[in-house]
N, C-alpha and C. Protein backbone atom coordinates (compact mmCIF):
# COMPACT_ATOMS: atom_id res chain seq x y z
N MET A 1 -5.61 12.40 -8.87
CA MET A 1 -5.45 11.24 -8.18
C MET A 1 -6.18 10.14 -8.31
N ALA A 2 -7.52 10.26 -8.67
CA ALA A 2 -8.51 9.28 -8.88
C ALA A 2 -8.29 8.22 -10.07
N ALA A 3 -7.71 9.08 -10.98
CA ALA A 3 -7.43 8.23 -12.26
C ALA A 3 -6.28 7.26 -12.02
N ASP A 4 -5.25 7.75 -11.17
CA ASP A 4 -4.02 7.02 -10.90
C ASP A 4 -4.61 5.77 -10.07
N PHE A 5 -5.28 5.91 -9.01
CA PHE A 5 -5.62 5.02 -8.28
C PHE A 5 -6.60 4.24 -9.20
N GLN A 6 -7.41 4.52 -9.99
CA GLN A 6 -8.19 3.96 -10.68
C GLN A 6 -7.37 2.69 -11.66
N THR A 7 -6.27 3.18 -12.27
CA THR A 7 -5.27 2.61 -13.18
C THR A 7 -4.68 1.45 -12.40
N GLY A 8 -4.33 1.71 -10.93
CA GLY A 8 -3.48 0.79 -10.11
C GLY A 8 -4.82 -0.12 -9.79
N LEU A 9 -6.03 -0.09 -9.68
CA LEU A 9 -7.11 -0.97 -9.37
C LEU A 9 -7.05 -1.80 -10.58
N GLU A 10 -7.40 -1.19 -11.70
CA GLU A 10 -7.46 -2.12 -13.00
C GLU A 10 -6.45 -3.11 -13.15
N ALA A 11 -5.27 -2.55 -12.92
CA ALA A 11 -3.86 -3.33 -13.11
C ALA A 11 -3.91 -4.53 -11.99
N TYR A 12 -4.17 -4.31 -10.73
CA TYR A 12 -4.28 -5.13 -9.71
C TYR A 12 -5.41 -6.24 -10.28
N LYS A 13 -6.45 -5.89 -10.61
CA LYS A 13 -7.44 -6.97 -10.84
C LYS A 13 -7.31 -7.98 -11.95
N ARG A 14 -6.23 -7.34 -12.89
CA ARG A 14 -5.53 -7.99 -13.69
C ARG A 14 -4.40 -9.04 -13.45
N GLY A 15 -4.06 -8.70 -12.24
CA GLY A 15 -3.04 -9.54 -11.52
C GLY A 15 -1.80 -8.92 -11.85
N ASN A 16 -1.67 -7.44 -12.28
CA ASN A 16 -0.28 -6.66 -12.77
C ASN A 16 0.02 -5.91 -11.39
N TYR A 17 0.68 -6.70 -10.34
CA TYR A 17 0.74 -6.02 -9.25
C TYR A 17 1.83 -5.30 -9.13
N ALA A 18 2.85 -5.13 -10.21
CA ALA A 18 3.83 -4.19 -10.33
C ALA A 18 3.19 -2.90 -10.60
N THR A 19 2.36 -2.88 -11.65
CA THR A 19 1.67 -1.56 -12.11
C THR A 19 0.75 -0.97 -10.68
N ALA A 20 0.00 -1.78 -10.22
CA ALA A 20 -0.91 -1.51 -9.15
C ALA A 20 0.25 -0.98 -7.89
N LEU A 21 1.29 -1.44 -7.78
CA LEU A 21 2.12 -0.98 -6.69
C LEU A 21 2.79 0.54 -7.16
N GLU A 22 3.11 0.77 -8.39
CA GLU A 22 3.72 1.91 -8.82
C GLU A 22 2.63 3.06 -8.92
N GLU A 23 1.37 2.80 -8.99
CA GLU A 23 0.20 3.50 -9.13
C GLU A 23 -0.09 3.94 -7.76
N TRP A 24 -0.08 3.02 -6.67
CA TRP A 24 -0.91 3.06 -5.39
C TRP A 24 0.40 3.78 -4.52
N ARG A 25 1.53 3.33 -4.43
CA ARG A 25 2.47 3.68 -3.64
C ARG A 25 2.59 5.35 -3.38
N PRO A 26 2.66 6.28 -4.33
CA PRO A 26 2.74 7.71 -4.30
C PRO A 26 1.43 8.09 -3.69
N LEU A 27 0.47 7.71 -4.07
CA LEU A 27 -0.90 7.91 -3.30
C LEU A 27 -1.02 7.68 -1.89
N ALA A 28 -0.53 6.43 -1.62
CA ALA A 28 -0.43 6.18 -0.14
C ALA A 28 0.44 7.09 0.60
N GLU A 29 1.58 7.43 -0.02
CA GLU A 29 2.49 8.23 0.66
C GLU A 29 1.99 9.60 0.77
N GLN A 30 1.01 9.97 -0.14
CA GLN A 30 0.60 11.37 0.09
C GLN A 30 -0.72 11.44 0.88
N GLY A 31 -1.03 9.97 1.40
CA GLY A 31 -2.06 9.93 2.48
C GLY A 31 -3.49 9.70 1.99
N LEU A 32 -3.60 9.16 0.78
CA LEU A 32 -4.86 8.62 0.50
C LEU A 32 -5.14 7.27 1.07
N ALA A 33 -6.06 7.26 1.86
CA ALA A 33 -6.60 6.04 2.75
C ALA A 33 -6.52 4.63 1.86
N ARG A 34 -7.40 4.84 0.81
CA ARG A 34 -7.92 3.69 -0.09
C ARG A 34 -6.72 3.22 -0.45
N ALA A 35 -5.59 3.96 -0.84
CA ALA A 35 -4.39 3.39 -1.51
C ALA A 35 -3.42 2.70 -0.44
N GLN A 36 -3.52 3.38 0.76
CA GLN A 36 -2.75 2.86 1.84
C GLN A 36 -3.22 1.66 2.40
N HIS A 37 -4.71 1.47 2.24
CA HIS A 37 -5.24 0.11 2.73
C HIS A 37 -4.85 -1.07 1.54
N ASP A 38 -5.01 -0.56 0.27
CA ASP A 38 -4.56 -1.62 -0.56
C ASP A 38 -3.33 -2.05 -0.79
N LEU A 39 -2.33 -1.08 -0.69
CA LEU A 39 -0.93 -1.18 -0.25
C LEU A 39 -0.56 -2.40 0.81
N GLY A 40 -1.37 -2.02 1.99
CA GLY A 40 -1.50 -2.92 3.08
C GLY A 40 -1.75 -4.33 2.62
N PHE A 41 -2.71 -4.51 1.92
CA PHE A 41 -3.17 -5.57 1.39
C PHE A 41 -2.47 -6.67 0.62
N MET A 42 -1.69 -5.79 -0.17
CA MET A 42 -0.63 -6.41 -1.11
C MET A 42 0.50 -7.03 -0.05
N TYR A 43 0.89 -6.31 0.78
CA TYR A 43 2.05 -6.65 1.74
C TYR A 43 1.49 -7.88 2.59
N ASP A 44 0.39 -7.61 3.03
CA ASP A 44 -0.30 -8.90 3.99
C ASP A 44 -0.27 -10.15 3.01
N ASN A 45 -0.74 -9.99 1.76
CA ASN A 45 -0.87 -11.33 1.03
C ASN A 45 0.34 -11.47 0.18
N GLY A 46 1.52 -10.84 -0.07
CA GLY A 46 2.51 -10.97 -0.69
C GLY A 46 2.22 -10.91 -2.43
N GLU A 47 1.61 -9.94 -2.43
CA GLU A 47 1.00 -9.97 -3.91
C GLU A 47 2.13 -8.70 -4.65
N GLY A 48 2.92 -9.15 -5.33
CA GLY A 48 3.77 -8.18 -6.04
C GLY A 48 4.97 -7.75 -5.09
N VAL A 49 4.81 -8.07 -3.78
CA VAL A 49 5.95 -7.80 -2.96
C VAL A 49 6.19 -8.89 -1.93
N ALA A 50 7.35 -8.96 -1.34
CA ALA A 50 7.51 -10.02 -0.29
C ALA A 50 6.44 -9.94 0.70
N GLN A 51 5.77 -10.86 1.25
CA GLN A 51 4.73 -10.81 2.29
C GLN A 51 5.42 -10.33 3.69
N ASP A 52 4.94 -9.31 4.06
CA ASP A 52 5.59 -8.66 5.19
C ASP A 52 4.34 -8.07 6.13
N HIS A 53 4.13 -8.79 7.23
CA HIS A 53 3.00 -8.40 8.20
C HIS A 53 3.25 -7.10 8.74
N SER A 54 4.44 -6.75 9.21
CA SER A 54 4.71 -5.33 9.88
C SER A 54 4.46 -4.19 8.83
N GLU A 55 4.97 -4.35 7.57
CA GLU A 55 4.54 -3.20 6.61
C GLU A 55 3.27 -3.20 6.26
N ALA A 56 2.45 -4.48 6.36
CA ALA A 56 0.88 -4.39 6.05
C ALA A 56 0.36 -3.55 7.13
N ALA A 57 0.67 -4.06 8.47
CA ALA A 57 0.24 -3.23 9.71
C ALA A 57 0.48 -1.91 9.64
N ARG A 58 1.64 -1.35 9.08
CA ARG A 58 1.99 0.18 8.95
C ARG A 58 1.13 0.92 7.82
N TRP A 59 0.74 0.09 6.77
CA TRP A 59 -0.09 0.67 5.90
C TRP A 59 -1.67 0.88 6.27
N TYR A 60 -2.09 -0.32 6.86
CA TYR A 60 -3.34 -0.48 7.29
C TYR A 60 -3.50 0.53 8.34
N ARG A 61 -2.67 0.75 9.14
CA ARG A 61 -2.74 1.66 10.33
C ARG A 61 -2.95 3.02 9.86
N LEU A 62 -2.21 3.60 8.77
CA LEU A 62 -2.47 4.80 8.38
C LEU A 62 -4.01 5.07 7.75
N ALA A 63 -4.40 4.08 7.10
CA ALA A 63 -5.61 4.05 6.70
C ALA A 63 -6.64 3.81 7.68
N ALA A 64 -6.50 3.16 8.79
CA ALA A 64 -7.49 3.06 9.85
C ALA A 64 -7.53 4.21 10.60
N GLU A 65 -6.55 4.78 10.96
CA GLU A 65 -6.40 6.09 11.48
C GLU A 65 -7.33 7.41 10.92
N GLN A 66 -7.55 7.11 9.54
CA GLN A 66 -8.36 7.85 8.92
C GLN A 66 -9.81 7.55 8.90
N GLY A 67 -10.18 6.48 9.24
CA GLY A 67 -11.36 6.10 9.50
C GLY A 67 -11.85 5.02 8.39
N LEU A 68 -10.88 4.48 7.68
CA LEU A 68 -11.31 3.38 6.55
C LEU A 68 -11.83 2.03 7.30
N ALA A 69 -13.00 1.81 7.13
CA ALA A 69 -13.27 0.66 7.96
C ALA A 69 -12.57 -0.84 7.45
N GLU A 70 -12.34 -0.84 6.27
CA GLU A 70 -11.67 -2.17 5.69
C GLU A 70 -10.26 -2.08 6.40
N ALA A 71 -9.67 -1.20 6.52
CA ALA A 71 -8.36 -1.27 7.12
C ALA A 71 -8.39 -1.30 8.54
N GLN A 72 -9.41 -0.76 9.25
CA GLN A 72 -9.80 -1.21 10.68
C GLN A 72 -10.01 -2.43 10.83
N ASN A 73 -10.70 -3.16 10.13
CA ASN A 73 -10.95 -4.69 10.27
C ASN A 73 -9.71 -5.46 9.92
N ASN A 74 -8.98 -5.19 9.04
CA ASN A 74 -7.69 -5.98 8.58
C ASN A 74 -6.73 -5.71 9.74
N LEU A 75 -6.63 -4.51 10.23
CA LEU A 75 -5.52 -4.21 11.47
C LEU A 75 -5.87 -5.16 12.59
N GLY A 76 -7.29 -5.14 12.87
CA GLY A 76 -7.75 -5.95 13.90
C GLY A 76 -7.26 -7.46 13.72
N VAL A 77 -7.55 -7.88 12.54
CA VAL A 77 -6.93 -9.26 12.24
C VAL A 77 -5.54 -9.45 12.54
N LEU A 78 -4.52 -8.72 12.13
CA LEU A 78 -3.02 -8.82 12.33
C LEU A 78 -2.91 -8.60 13.71
N TYR A 79 -3.82 -7.89 14.59
CA TYR A 79 -3.44 -7.94 15.95
C TYR A 79 -3.98 -9.11 16.78
N GLU A 80 -4.93 -9.63 16.36
CA GLU A 80 -5.59 -10.94 16.69
C GLU A 80 -4.87 -12.00 16.56
N ASP A 81 -4.35 -12.15 15.45
CA ASP A 81 -3.43 -13.22 14.82
C ASP A 81 -1.97 -13.15 15.30
N GLY A 82 -1.51 -11.81 15.93
CA GLY A 82 -0.24 -11.67 16.24
C GLY A 82 0.89 -11.43 15.20
N GLU A 83 0.15 -11.17 13.95
CA GLU A 83 1.08 -10.85 12.80
C GLU A 83 1.35 -9.37 12.40
N SER A 84 1.02 -8.71 13.59
CA SER A 84 1.41 -7.33 13.42
C SER A 84 2.72 -7.01 14.46
N ASP A 85 2.79 -6.00 15.07
CA ASP A 85 3.77 -5.81 16.10
C ASP A 85 3.80 -7.14 16.98
N THR A 86 2.71 -7.17 17.70
CA THR A 86 2.44 -8.53 18.59
C THR A 86 1.11 -8.57 18.75
N ARG A 87 0.65 -9.84 19.37
CA ARG A 87 -0.75 -10.06 19.61
C ARG A 87 -1.34 -9.08 20.43
N ASP A 88 -2.47 -8.62 20.27
CA ASP A 88 -2.95 -7.78 21.32
C ASP A 88 -4.48 -7.70 21.08
N ASN A 89 -5.44 -8.48 21.96
CA ASN A 89 -6.58 -8.56 21.67
C ASN A 89 -7.33 -7.41 22.12
N VAL A 90 -6.82 -6.57 22.80
CA VAL A 90 -7.28 -5.36 23.16
C VAL A 90 -7.47 -4.37 21.97
N LYS A 91 -6.27 -4.21 21.38
CA LYS A 91 -6.30 -3.46 20.12
C LYS A 91 -7.17 -4.08 18.95
N ALA A 92 -7.09 -5.37 18.74
CA ALA A 92 -7.95 -5.95 17.81
C ALA A 92 -9.29 -5.76 18.17
N LEU A 93 -9.87 -5.82 19.32
CA LEU A 93 -11.28 -5.58 19.61
C LEU A 93 -11.62 -4.10 19.33
N MET A 94 -10.80 -3.26 19.76
CA MET A 94 -10.81 -1.93 19.29
C MET A 94 -11.23 -1.64 17.96
N TRP A 95 -10.10 -2.32 17.35
CA TRP A 95 -10.21 -2.01 15.70
C TRP A 95 -11.55 -2.70 15.01
N TYR A 96 -11.82 -3.72 15.58
CA TYR A 96 -13.00 -4.58 15.01
C TYR A 96 -14.38 -3.69 15.48
N SER A 97 -14.52 -3.19 16.56
CA SER A 97 -15.54 -2.45 16.95
C SER A 97 -15.68 -1.10 16.16
N LEU A 98 -14.51 -0.51 15.85
CA LEU A 98 -14.57 0.69 15.15
C LEU A 98 -15.21 0.32 13.61
N ALA A 99 -14.41 -0.61 13.17
CA ALA A 99 -15.05 -1.22 11.62
C ALA A 99 -16.39 -1.57 11.63
N ALA A 100 -16.79 -2.25 12.66
CA ALA A 100 -18.37 -2.51 12.77
C ALA A 100 -19.25 -1.31 12.78
N ALA A 101 -18.77 -0.36 13.44
CA ALA A 101 -19.59 0.97 13.67
C ALA A 101 -19.59 1.72 12.26
N ARG A 102 -18.50 1.64 11.50
CA ARG A 102 -18.33 2.36 10.28
C ARG A 102 -18.98 1.66 9.00
N PHE A 103 -18.80 0.44 8.90
CA PHE A 103 -19.27 -0.08 7.60
C PHE A 103 -20.73 0.26 7.63
N PRO A 104 -21.09 0.17 6.19
CA PRO A 104 -22.78 0.39 6.09
C PRO A 104 -23.28 -0.97 6.23
N PRO A 105 -24.46 -1.23 6.41
CA PRO A 105 -25.18 -2.58 6.59
C PRO A 105 -24.68 -3.67 5.67
N GLY A 106 -24.53 -4.61 5.91
CA GLY A 106 -24.18 -5.69 4.67
C GLY A 106 -22.97 -6.71 5.26
N GLU A 107 -22.36 -7.32 4.31
CA GLU A 107 -21.40 -8.36 4.52
C GLU A 107 -20.31 -8.09 5.36
N GLU A 108 -19.76 -6.90 4.77
CA GLU A 108 -18.42 -6.42 5.60
C GLU A 108 -18.72 -6.03 7.10
N ARG A 109 -19.76 -5.38 7.25
CA ARG A 109 -20.27 -4.89 8.50
C ARG A 109 -20.45 -6.26 9.48
N ASP A 110 -21.18 -7.17 8.95
CA ASP A 110 -21.41 -8.44 9.31
C ASP A 110 -20.17 -9.36 9.78
N LEU A 111 -19.19 -8.98 9.06
CA LEU A 111 -17.90 -9.82 9.44
C LEU A 111 -17.13 -9.09 10.22
N ALA A 112 -17.09 -7.80 10.28
CA ALA A 112 -16.46 -7.07 11.45
C ALA A 112 -17.04 -7.20 12.72
N ALA A 113 -18.49 -7.40 12.80
CA ALA A 113 -19.21 -7.57 13.96
C ALA A 113 -18.86 -8.89 14.52
N SER A 114 -18.96 -9.85 13.50
CA SER A 114 -18.51 -11.41 13.95
C SER A 114 -16.93 -11.47 14.51
N ASN A 115 -16.26 -10.83 14.01
CA ASN A 115 -14.88 -10.43 14.67
C ASN A 115 -14.93 -10.09 15.83
N ARG A 116 -15.63 -8.92 16.23
CA ARG A 116 -15.77 -8.23 17.31
C ARG A 116 -16.24 -9.25 18.52
N ASP A 117 -17.32 -9.93 18.18
CA ASP A 117 -17.88 -10.71 19.01
C ASP A 117 -17.13 -12.03 19.33
N ARG A 118 -16.59 -12.57 18.35
CA ARG A 118 -15.56 -13.58 18.64
C ARG A 118 -14.72 -13.57 19.63
N ILE A 119 -13.84 -12.35 19.32
CA ILE A 119 -12.59 -12.28 20.21
C ILE A 119 -13.06 -11.72 21.54
N GLU A 120 -14.29 -11.18 21.56
CA GLU A 120 -14.65 -10.50 22.81
C GLU A 120 -15.06 -11.78 23.96
N GLN A 121 -15.32 -12.63 23.22
CA GLN A 121 -15.57 -13.95 24.37
C GLN A 121 -14.53 -14.56 24.76
N ARG A 122 -13.22 -14.37 24.14
CA ARG A 122 -11.91 -14.91 24.88
C ARG A 122 -11.30 -13.72 25.80
N MET A 123 -11.95 -12.74 26.10
CA MET A 123 -11.26 -11.54 26.60
C MET A 123 -11.86 -11.40 28.05
N THR A 124 -11.40 -10.97 28.93
CA THR A 124 -11.50 -10.67 30.48
C THR A 124 -12.40 -9.25 30.33
N PRO A 125 -13.56 -9.15 31.14
CA PRO A 125 -14.21 -8.04 31.20
C PRO A 125 -13.26 -6.73 31.38
N ALA A 126 -12.02 -6.81 31.91
CA ALA A 126 -11.31 -5.61 32.08
C ALA A 126 -10.73 -5.29 30.81
N GLN A 127 -10.44 -6.31 29.91
CA GLN A 127 -9.84 -6.16 28.57
C GLN A 127 -10.89 -5.64 27.92
N VAL A 128 -12.14 -6.01 27.74
CA VAL A 128 -13.19 -5.79 26.87
C VAL A 128 -13.40 -4.07 27.32
N ALA A 129 -13.62 -3.95 28.72
CA ALA A 129 -13.75 -2.49 28.96
C ALA A 129 -12.57 -1.52 28.35
N GLU A 130 -11.36 -1.89 28.34
CA GLU A 130 -10.33 -1.24 27.98
C GLU A 130 -10.45 -0.91 26.38
N ALA A 131 -10.85 -1.86 25.82
CA ALA A 131 -10.93 -1.86 24.15
C ALA A 131 -12.18 -0.77 23.96
N GLN A 132 -13.13 -1.13 24.67
CA GLN A 132 -14.16 -0.19 24.32
C GLN A 132 -14.00 1.38 24.81
N ARG A 133 -13.29 1.64 25.80
CA ARG A 133 -12.94 2.83 26.30
C ARG A 133 -12.01 3.45 25.03
N PHE A 134 -10.91 2.66 24.44
CA PHE A 134 -10.18 3.09 23.41
C PHE A 134 -10.86 3.34 22.17
N ALA A 135 -11.98 2.57 21.99
CA ALA A 135 -12.87 2.96 20.75
C ALA A 135 -13.54 4.13 20.72
N ARG A 136 -14.21 4.27 22.11
CA ARG A 136 -14.97 5.72 22.10
C ARG A 136 -14.20 6.92 22.46
N GLN A 137 -12.74 7.04 22.76
CA GLN A 137 -11.76 7.83 22.57
C GLN A 137 -11.28 7.98 21.23
N TRP A 138 -11.25 6.98 20.40
CA TRP A 138 -10.62 7.35 18.97
C TRP A 138 -11.23 8.50 18.17
N LYS A 139 -10.71 9.11 17.47
CA LYS A 139 -10.86 9.99 16.55
C LYS A 139 -10.17 10.09 15.15
N PRO A 140 -10.92 10.01 14.11
CA PRO A 140 -10.00 10.07 12.89
C PRO A 140 -8.88 11.03 12.75
N LYS A 141 -7.66 10.72 11.93
CA LYS A 141 -6.80 11.75 11.98
C LYS A 141 -6.77 12.55 10.45
């Protein structure tokens, strides 16, 4: 599995999205969270595929549910922007909170925490409490 993922990553970095897609899709379908995230990223940005935020959300969600912080943060962005199923600040805050808790210290954690703090300012106390409850109850699949 790792060699196929690496082949896809090297192809992606060269801008060869067709090869990256060919390498990553089977891995994503087998449940590899990193491949699911990266496939979601390709759909999110229209790289080698038609841009499709619903499809991006589907792949991000699969990876996020396994605990991949990058996917959790990106899924939060889609919910906040209304580019996934619907705009849902409660779900966005839940995913941002989980990402901020899972990233190691550094820029990615800071970004997730900033996203979390920013959206929280626009929410009611009841919405914040609901998102926090969902985050506490969340368990990786």
